[in-house]
PDB file of N, CA and C in Angstrom:
ATOM      1  N   MET A   1     106.181  51.494 115.678  1.00  0.00           N
ATOM      2  CA  MET A   1     105.982  52.764 116.338  1.00  0.00           C
ATOM      3  C   MET A   1     107.294  53.563 116.362  1.00  0.00           C
ATOM      4  N   HIS A   2     108.365  52.870 116.608  1.00  0.00           N
ATOM      5  CA  HIS A   2     109.664  53.528 116.661  1.00  0.00           C
ATOM      6  C   HIS A   2     109.995  54.186 115.328  1.00  0.00           C
ATOM      7  N   SER A   3     109.711  53.536 114.203  1.00  0.00           N
ATOM      8  CA  SER A   3     110.013  54.103 112.895  1.00  0.00           C
ATOM      9  C   SER A   3     109.152  55.337 112.615  1.00  0.00           C
ATOM     10  N   ASN A   4     107.940  55.374 113.188  1.00  0.00           N
ATOM     11  CA  ASN A   4     107.093  56.567 113.023  1.00  0.00           C
ATOM     12  C   ASN A   4     107.705  57.764 113.731  1.00  0.00           C
ATOM     13  N   ASN A   5     108.302  57.534 114.909  1.00  0.00           N
ATOM     14  CA  ASN A   5     108.953  58.622 115.631  1.00  0.00           C
ATOM     15  C   ASN A   5     110.129  59.180 114.840  1.00  0.00           C
ATOM     16  N   ILE A   6     110.903  58.305 114.218  1.00  0.00           N
ATOM     17  CA  ILE A   6     112.042  58.743 113.415  1.00  0.00           C
ATOM     18  C   ILE A   6     111.543  59.550 112.218  1.00  0.00           C
ATOM     19  N   CYS A   7     110.483  59.043 111.571  1.00  0.00           N
ATOM     20  CA  CYS A   7     109.926  59.742 110.419  1.00  0.00           C
ATOM     21  C   CYS A   7     109.403  61.119 110.836  1.00  0.00           C
ATOM     22  N   LEU A   8     108.743  61.183 111.975  1.00  0.00           N
ATOM     23  CA  LEU A   8     108.225  62.453 112.475  1.00  0.00           C
ATOM     24  C   LEU A   8     109.364  63.415 112.786  1.00  0.00           C
ATOM     25  N   ARG A   9     110.428  62.903 113.418  1.00  0.00           N
ATOM     26  CA  ARG A   9     111.589  63.754 113.710  1.00  0.00           C
ATOM     27  C   ARG A   9     112.215  64.295 112.426  1.00  0.00           C
ATOM     28  N   GLU A  10     112.355  63.433 111.426  1.00  0.00           N
ATOM     29  CA  GLU A  10     112.927  63.862 110.153  1.00  0.00           C
ATOM     30  C   GLU A  10     112.044  64.923 109.508  1.00  0.00           C
ATOM     31  N   HIS A  11     110.733  64.724 109.579  1.00  0.00           N
ATOM     32  CA  HIS A  11     109.806  65.700 109.007  1.00  0.00           C
ATOM     33  C   HIS A  11     109.925  67.040 109.736  1.00  0.00           C
ATOM     34  N   LEU A  12     109.974  66.987 111.065  1.00  0.00           N
ATOM     35  CA  LEU A  12     110.095  68.226 111.837  1.00  0.00           C
ATOM     36  C   LEU A  12     111.421  68.922 111.557  1.00  0.00           C
ATOM     37  N   ALA A  13     112.489  68.151 111.432  1.00  0.00           N
ATOM     38  CA  ALA A  13     113.800  68.735 111.137  1.00  0.00           C
ATOM     39  C   ALA A  13     113.783  69.392 109.759  1.00  0.00           C
ATOM     40  N   ALA A  14     113.171  68.726 108.785  1.00  0.00           N
ATOM     41  CA  ALA A  14     113.078  69.299 107.441  1.00  0.00           C
ATOM     42  C   ALA A  14     112.226  70.562 107.468  1.00  0.00           C
ATOM     43  N   ASP A  15     111.150  70.542 108.238  1.00  0.00           N
ATOM     44  CA  ASP A  15     110.270  71.705 108.350  1.00  0.00           C
ATOM     45  C   ASP A  15     111.021  72.878 108.977  1.00  0.00           C
ATOM     46  N   ARG A  16     111.810  72.615 110.026  1.00  0.00           N
ATOM     47  CA  ARG A  16     112.594  73.680 110.656  1.00  0.00           C
ATOM     48  C   ARG A  16     113.613  74.255 109.679  1.00  0.00           C
ATOM     49  N   THR A  17     114.232  73.377 108.893  1.00  0.00           N
ATOM     50  CA  THR A  17     115.200  73.840 107.896  1.00  0.00           C
ATOM     51  C   THR A  17     114.514  74.707 106.858  1.00  0.00           C
ATOM     52  N   GLU A  18     113.346  74.275 106.405  1.00  0.00           N
ATOM     53  CA  GLU A  18     112.596  75.056 105.419  1.00  0.00           C
ATOM     54  C   GLU A  18     112.200  76.414 106.002  1.00  0.00           C
ATOM     55  N   ASN A  19     111.771  76.433 107.257  1.00  0.00           N
ATOM     56  CA  ASN A  19     111.421  77.699 107.905  1.00  0.00           C
ATOM     57  C   ASN A  19     112.644  78.601 108.045  1.00  0.00           C
ATOM     58  N   ALA A  20     113.777  78.010 108.372  1.00  0.00           N
ATOM     59  CA  ALA A  20     115.000  78.796 108.503  1.00  0.00           C
ATOM     60  C   ALA A  20     115.387  79.407 107.162  1.00  0.00           C
ATOM     61  N   VAL A  21     115.252  78.626 106.096  1.00  0.00           N
ATOM     62  CA  VAL A  21     115.560  79.134 104.758  1.00  0.00           C
ATOM     63  C   VAL A  21     114.587  80.249 104.393  1.00  0.00           C
ATOM     64  N   SER A  22     113.320  80.048 104.715  1.00  0.00           N
ATOM     65  CA  SER A  22     112.303  81.059 104.426  1.00  0.00           C
ATOM     66  C   SER A  22     112.589  82.350 105.182  1.00  0.00           C
ATOM     67  N   ARG A  23     112.960  82.234 106.465  1.00  0.00           N
ATOM     68  CA  ARG A  23     113.279  83.428 107.255  1.00  0.00           C
ATOM     69  C   ARG A  23     114.505  84.132 106.699  1.00  0.00           C
ATOM     70  N   ALA A  24     115.499  83.374 106.281  1.00  0.00           N
ATOM     71  CA  ALA A  24     116.707  83.975 105.711  1.00  0.00           C
ATOM     72  C   ALA A  24     116.373  84.711 104.417  1.00  0.00           C
ATOM     73  N   CYS A  25     115.529  84.123 103.598  1.00  0.00           N
ATOM     74  CA  CYS A  25     115.117  84.790 102.355  1.00  0.00           C
ATOM     75  C   CYS A  25     114.349  86.062 102.670  1.00  0.00           C
ATOM     76  N   ASN A  26     113.492  86.033 103.670  1.00  0.00           N
ATOM     77  CA  ASN A  26     112.744  87.228 104.056  1.00  0.00           C
ATOM     78  C   ASN A  26     113.684  88.317 104.551  1.00  0.00           C
ATOM     79  N   ARG A  27     114.683  87.950 105.360  1.00  0.00           N
ATOM     80  CA  ARG A  27     115.658  88.932 105.846  1.00  0.00           C
ATOM     81  C   ARG A  27     116.432  89.527 104.683  1.00  0.00           C
ATOM     82  N   ARG A  28     116.806  88.685 103.735  1.00  0.00           N
ATOM     83  CA  ARG A  28     117.551  89.180 102.576  1.00  0.00           C
ATOM     84  C   ARG A  28     116.682  90.136 101.779  1.00  0.00           C
ATOM     85  N   SER A  29     115.419  89.779 101.616  1.00  0.00           N
ATOM     86  CA  SER A  29     114.499  90.644 100.890  1.00  0.00           C
ATOM     87  C   SER A  29     114.338  91.973 101.617  1.00  0.00           C
ATOM     88  N   LEU A  30     114.213  91.917 102.945  1.00  0.00           N
ATOM     89  CA  LEU A  30     114.118  93.146 103.717  1.00  0.00           C
ATOM     90  C   LEU A  30     115.390  93.966 103.586  1.00  0.00           C
ATOM     91  N   SER A  31     116.513  93.304 103.578  1.00  0.00           N
ATOM     92  CA  SER A  31     117.780  94.006 103.446  1.00  0.00           C
ATOM     93  C   SER A  31     117.882  94.700 102.097  1.00  0.00           C
ATOM     94  N   LEU A  32     117.454  94.014 101.041  1.00  0.00           N
ATOM     95  CA  LEU A  32     117.488  94.621  99.718  1.00  0.00           C
ATOM     96  C   LEU A  32     116.516  95.791  99.627  1.00  0.00           C
ATOM     97  N   THR A  33     115.358  95.626 100.239  1.00  0.00           N
ATOM     98  CA  THR A  33     114.379  96.716 100.268  1.00  0.00           C
ATOM     99  C   THR A  33     114.928  97.892 101.046  1.00  0.00           C
ATOM    100  N   SER A  34     115.534  97.633 102.190  1.00  0.00           N
ATOM    101  CA  SER A  34     116.119  98.695 102.999  1.00  0.00           C
ATOM    102  C   SER A  34     117.236  99.405 102.245  1.00  0.00           C
ATOM    103  N   LEU A  35     118.052  98.640 101.563  1.00  0.00           N
ATOM    104  CA  LEU A  35     119.145  99.221 100.791  1.00  0.00           C
ATOM    105  C   LEU A  35     118.596 100.102  99.675  1.00  0.00           C
ATOM    106  N   ARG A  36     117.570  99.614  98.999  1.00  0.00           N
ATOM    107  CA  ARG A  36     116.961 100.399  97.917  1.00  0.00           C
ATOM    108  C   ARG A  36     116.406 101.715  98.455  1.00  0.00           C
ATOM    109  N   LEU A  37     115.730 101.668  99.600  1.00  0.00           N
ATOM    110  CA  LEU A  37     115.180 102.882 100.207  1.00  0.00           C
ATOM    111  C   LEU A  37     116.285 103.844 100.635  1.00  0.00           C
ATOM    112  N   LEU A  38     117.357 103.298 101.187  1.00  0.00           N
ATOM    113  CA  LEU A  38     118.483 104.134 101.602  1.00  0.00           C
ATOM    114  C   LEU A  38     119.120 104.829 100.399  1.00  0.00           C
ATOM    115  N   LEU A  39     119.317 104.092  99.318  1.00  0.00           N
ATOM    116  CA  LEU A  39     119.902 104.681  98.113  1.00  0.00           C
ATOM    117  C   LEU A  39     118.992 105.760  97.532  1.00  0.00           C
ATOM    118  N   ARG A  40     117.694 105.511  97.566  1.00  0.00           N
ATOM    119  CA  ARG A  40     116.739 106.513  97.077  1.00  0.00           C
ATOM    120  C   ARG A  40     116.802 107.777  97.935  1.00  0.00           C
ATOM    121  N   HIS A  41     116.893 107.583  99.250  1.00  0.00           N
ATOM    122  CA  HIS A  41     116.986 108.718 100.175  1.00  0.00           C
ATOM    123  C   HIS A  41     118.269 109.516  99.923  1.00  0.00           C
ATOM    124  N   TRP A  42     119.392 108.821  99.764  1.00  0.00           N
ATOM    125  CA  TRP A  42     120.654 109.488  99.498  1.00  0.00           C
ATOM    126  C   TRP A  42     120.608 110.262  98.180  1.00  0.00           C
ATOM    127  N   HIS A  43     119.993 109.674  97.166  1.00  0.00           N
ATOM    128  CA  HIS A  43     119.893 110.354  95.877  1.00  0.00           C
ATOM    129  C   HIS A  43     119.041 111.617  96.009  1.00  0.00           C
ATOM    130  N   GLN A  44     117.965 111.531  96.763  1.00  0.00           N
ATOM    131  CA  GLN A  44     117.133 112.710  96.985  1.00  0.00           C
ATOM    132  C   GLN A  44     117.914 113.794  97.723  1.00  0.00           C
ATOM    133  N   ASN A  45     118.685 113.411  98.741  1.00  0.00           N
ATOM    134  CA  ASN A  45     119.524 114.384  99.445  1.00  0.00           C
ATOM    135  C   ASN A  45     120.486 115.073  98.477  1.00  0.00           C
ATOM    136  N   TRP A  46     121.162 114.285  97.663  1.00  0.00           N
ATOM    137  CA  TRP A  46     122.134 114.826  96.718  1.00  0.00           C
ATOM    138  C   TRP A  46     121.459 115.790  95.748  1.00  0.00           C
ATOM    139  N   ARG A  47     120.319 115.353  95.180  1.00  0.00           N
ATOM    140  CA  ARG A  47     119.623 116.157  94.173  1.00  0.00           C
ATOM    141  C   ARG A  47     119.087 117.467  94.754  1.00  0.00           C
ATOM    142  N   THR A  48     118.422 117.393  95.912  1.00  0.00           N
ATOM    143  CA  THR A  48     117.828 118.604  96.482  1.00  0.00           C
ATOM    144  C   THR A  48     118.889 119.571  96.989  1.00  0.00           C
ATOM    145  N   ARG A  49     119.986 119.069  97.515  1.00  0.00           N
ATOM    146  CA  ARG A  49     121.062 119.952  97.973  1.00  0.00           C
ATOM    147  C   ARG A  49     121.747 120.632  96.796  1.00  0.00           C
ATOM    148  N   ARG A  50     121.875 119.902  95.703  1.00  0.00           N
ATOM    149  CA  ARG A  50     122.454 120.498  94.498  1.00  0.00           C
ATOM    150  C   ARG A  50     121.540 121.609  93.970  1.00  0.00           C
ATOM    151  N   GLN A  51     120.228 121.330  93.973  1.00  0.00           N
ATOM    152  CA  GLN A  51     119.271 122.344  93.521  1.00  0.00           C
ATOM    153  C   GLN A  51     119.268 123.555  94.451  1.00  0.00           C
ATOM    154  N   LEU A  52     119.349 123.321  95.747  1.00  0.00           N
ATOM    155  CA  LEU A  52     119.386 124.412  96.715  1.00  0.00           C
ATOM    156  C   LEU A  52     120.603 125.303  96.484  1.00  0.00           C
ATOM    157  N   ALA A  53     121.733 124.687  96.186  1.00  0.00           N
ATOM    158  CA  ALA A  53     122.967 125.450  95.955  1.00  0.00           C
ATOM    159  C   ALA A  53     122.870 126.335  94.715  1.00  0.00           C
ATOM    160  N   GLN A  54     121.974 126.005  93.806  1.00  0.00           N
ATOM    161  CA  GLN A  54     121.845 126.776  92.567  1.00  0.00           C
ATOM    162  C   GLN A  54     120.868 127.946  92.678  1.00  0.00           C
ATOM    163  N   LEU A  55     120.144 128.040  93.798  1.00  0.00           N
ATOM    164  CA  LEU A  55     119.176 129.128  93.952  1.00  0.00           C
ATOM    165  C   LEU A  55     119.904 130.439  94.242  1.00  0.00           C
ATOM    166  N   ASP A  56     119.373 131.523  93.678  1.00  0.00           N
ATOM    167  CA  ASP A  56     119.967 132.829  93.961  1.00  0.00           C
ATOM    168  C   ASP A  56     119.327 133.422  95.225  1.00  0.00           C
ATOM    169  N   SER A  57     119.828 134.567  95.660  1.00  0.00           N
ATOM    170  CA  SER A  57     119.377 135.159  96.925  1.00  0.00           C
ATOM    171  C   SER A  57     117.882 135.493  96.915  1.00  0.00           C
ATOM    172  N   HIS A  58     117.353 135.919  95.761  1.00  0.00           N
ATOM    173  CA  HIS A  58     115.922 136.242  95.683  1.00  0.00           C
ATOM    174  C   HIS A  58     115.068 134.982  95.834  1.00  0.00           C
ATOM    175  N   GLN A  59     115.501 133.902  95.219  1.00  0.00           N
ATOM    176  CA  GLN A  59     114.769 132.639  95.323  1.00  0.00           C
ATOM    177  C   GLN A  59     114.828 132.103  96.754  1.00  0.00           C
ATOM    178  N   LEU A  60     115.982 132.213  97.376  1.00  0.00           N
ATOM    179  CA  LEU A  60     116.117 131.762  98.766  1.00  0.00           C
ATOM    180  C   LEU A  60     115.216 132.586  99.682  1.00  0.00           C
ATOM    181  N   LYS A  61     115.160 133.896  99.430  1.00  0.00           N
ATOM    182  CA  LYS A  61     114.305 134.761 100.234  1.00  0.00           C
ATOM    183  C   LYS A  61     112.838 134.369 100.063  1.00  0.00           C
ATOM    184  N   ASP A  62     112.436 134.011  98.846  1.00  0.00           N
ATOM    185  CA  ASP A  62     111.063 133.586  98.571  1.00  0.00           C
ATOM    186  C   ASP A  62     110.676 132.339  99.380  1.00  0.00           C
ATOM    187  N   ILE A  63     111.615 131.442  99.584  1.00  0.00           N
ATOM    188  CA  ILE A  63     111.289 130.215 100.336  1.00  0.00           C
ATOM    189  C   ILE A  63     111.653 130.330 101.816  1.00  0.00           C
ATOM    190  N   GLY A  64     112.151 131.498 102.210  1.00  0.00           N
ATOM    191  CA  GLY A  64     112.423 131.744 103.625  1.00  0.00           C
ATOM    192  C   GLY A  64     113.674 131.089 104.160  1.00  0.00           C
ATOM    193  N   VAL A  65     114.681 130.946 103.302  1.00  0.00           N
ATOM    194  CA  VAL A  65     115.947 130.327 103.711  1.00  0.00           C
ATOM    195  C   VAL A  65     117.061 131.350 103.529  1.00  0.00           C
ATOM    196  N   SER A  66     117.892 131.491 104.548  1.00  0.00           N
ATOM    197  CA  SER A  66     119.011 132.425 104.431  1.00  0.00           C
ATOM    198  C   SER A  66     120.106 131.824 103.553  1.00  0.00           C
ATOM    199  N   ILE A  67     120.962 132.698 103.053  1.00  0.00           N
ATOM    200  CA  ILE A  67     122.077 132.245 102.216  1.00  0.00           C
ATOM    201  C   ILE A  67     122.998 131.320 103.021  1.00  0.00           C
ATOM    202  N   GLY A  68     123.248 131.686 104.265  1.00  0.00           N
ATOM    203  CA  GLY A  68     124.110 130.866 105.124  1.00  0.00           C
ATOM    204  C   GLY A  68     123.521 129.488 105.391  1.00  0.00           C
ATOM    205  N   ASP A  69     122.214 129.446 105.684  1.00  0.00           N
ATOM    206  CA  ASP A  69     121.556 128.154 105.920  1.00  0.00           C
ATOM    207  C   ASP A  69     121.566 127.298 104.665  1.00  0.00           C
ATOM    208  N   ALA A  70     121.318 127.926 103.525  1.00  0.00           N
ATOM    209  CA  ALA A  70     121.324 127.191 102.255  1.00  0.00           C
ATOM    210  C   ALA A  70     122.713 126.624 101.979  1.00  0.00           C
ATOM    211  N   GLN A  71     123.729 127.425 102.216  1.00  0.00           N
ATOM    212  CA  GLN A  71     125.105 126.968 101.977  1.00  0.00           C
ATOM    213  C   GLN A  71     125.472 125.829 102.920  1.00  0.00           C
ATOM    214  N   GLN A  72     125.071 125.969 104.182  1.00  0.00           N
ATOM    215  CA  GLN A  72     125.366 124.927 105.167  1.00  0.00           C
ATOM    216  C   GLN A  72     124.691 123.612 104.776  1.00  0.00           C
ATOM    217  N   GLU A  73     123.452 123.685 104.344  1.00  0.00           N
ATOM    218  CA  GLU A  73     122.728 122.476 103.929  1.00  0.00           C
ATOM    219  C   GLU A  73     123.337 121.896 102.655  1.00  0.00           C
ATOM    220  N   ALA A  74     123.658 122.740 101.703  1.00  0.00           N
ATOM    221  CA  ALA A  74     124.220 122.277 100.426  1.00  0.00           C
ATOM    222  C   ALA A  74     125.594 121.632 100.606  1.00  0.00           C
ATOM    223  N   ASP A  75     126.317 122.047 101.633  1.00  0.00           N
ATOM    224  CA  ASP A  75     127.660 121.506 101.877  1.00  0.00           C
ATOM    225  C   ASP A  75     127.652 120.142 102.573  1.00  0.00           C
ATOM    226  N   LYS A  76     126.506 119.724 103.082  1.00  0.00           N
ATOM    227  CA  LYS A  76     126.437 118.425 103.772  1.00  0.00           C
ATOM    228  C   LYS A  76     126.648 117.286 102.766  1.00  0.00           C
ATOM    229  N   PRO A  77     127.314 116.230 103.199  1.00  0.00           N
ATOM    230  CA  PRO A  77     127.417 115.049 102.320  1.00  0.00           C
ATOM    231  C   PRO A  77     126.029 114.413 102.155  1.00  0.00           C
ATOM    232  N   PHE A  78     125.817 113.743 101.046  1.00  0.00           N
ATOM    233  CA  PHE A  78     124.494 113.181 100.739  1.00  0.00           C
ATOM    234  C   PHE A  78     124.016 112.165 101.786  1.00  0.00           C
ATOM    235  N   TRP A  79     124.935 111.501 102.472  1.00  0.00           N
ATOM    236  CA  TRP A  79     124.528 110.464 103.420  1.00  0.00           C
ATOM    237  C   TRP A  79     124.126 111.035 104.780  1.00  0.00           C
ATOM    238  N   ARG A  80     124.373 112.310 105.004  1.00  0.00           N
ATOM    239  CA  ARG A  80     124.046 112.912 106.295  1.00  0.00           C
ATOM    240  C   ARG A  80     122.693 113.614 106.216  1.00  0.00           C
ATOM    241  N   ASP A  81     121.856 113.393 107.227  1.00  0.00           N
ATOM    242  CA  ASP A  81     120.548 114.056 107.262  1.00  0.00           C
ATOM    243  C   ASP A  81     120.628 115.404 107.907  1.00  0.00           C
TER     244      ASP A  81
END
């Protein structure tokens, strides 16, 4: 009976280790996914601000954005929302 308890403890310890490894892999996967989404968001900020800076006054008027607002938005760094 005593050896069964040891075997059960070893099994539970191995199971906890496997779960810990699984959770760590899931966190890493989430981190990579989050990083990918952040990079995509930053790239979109950079691209749209660059495009906004290239619009002339007539185009800005068509979309209802003032020249000052467009310039202020275009001047923001890509990482800032």
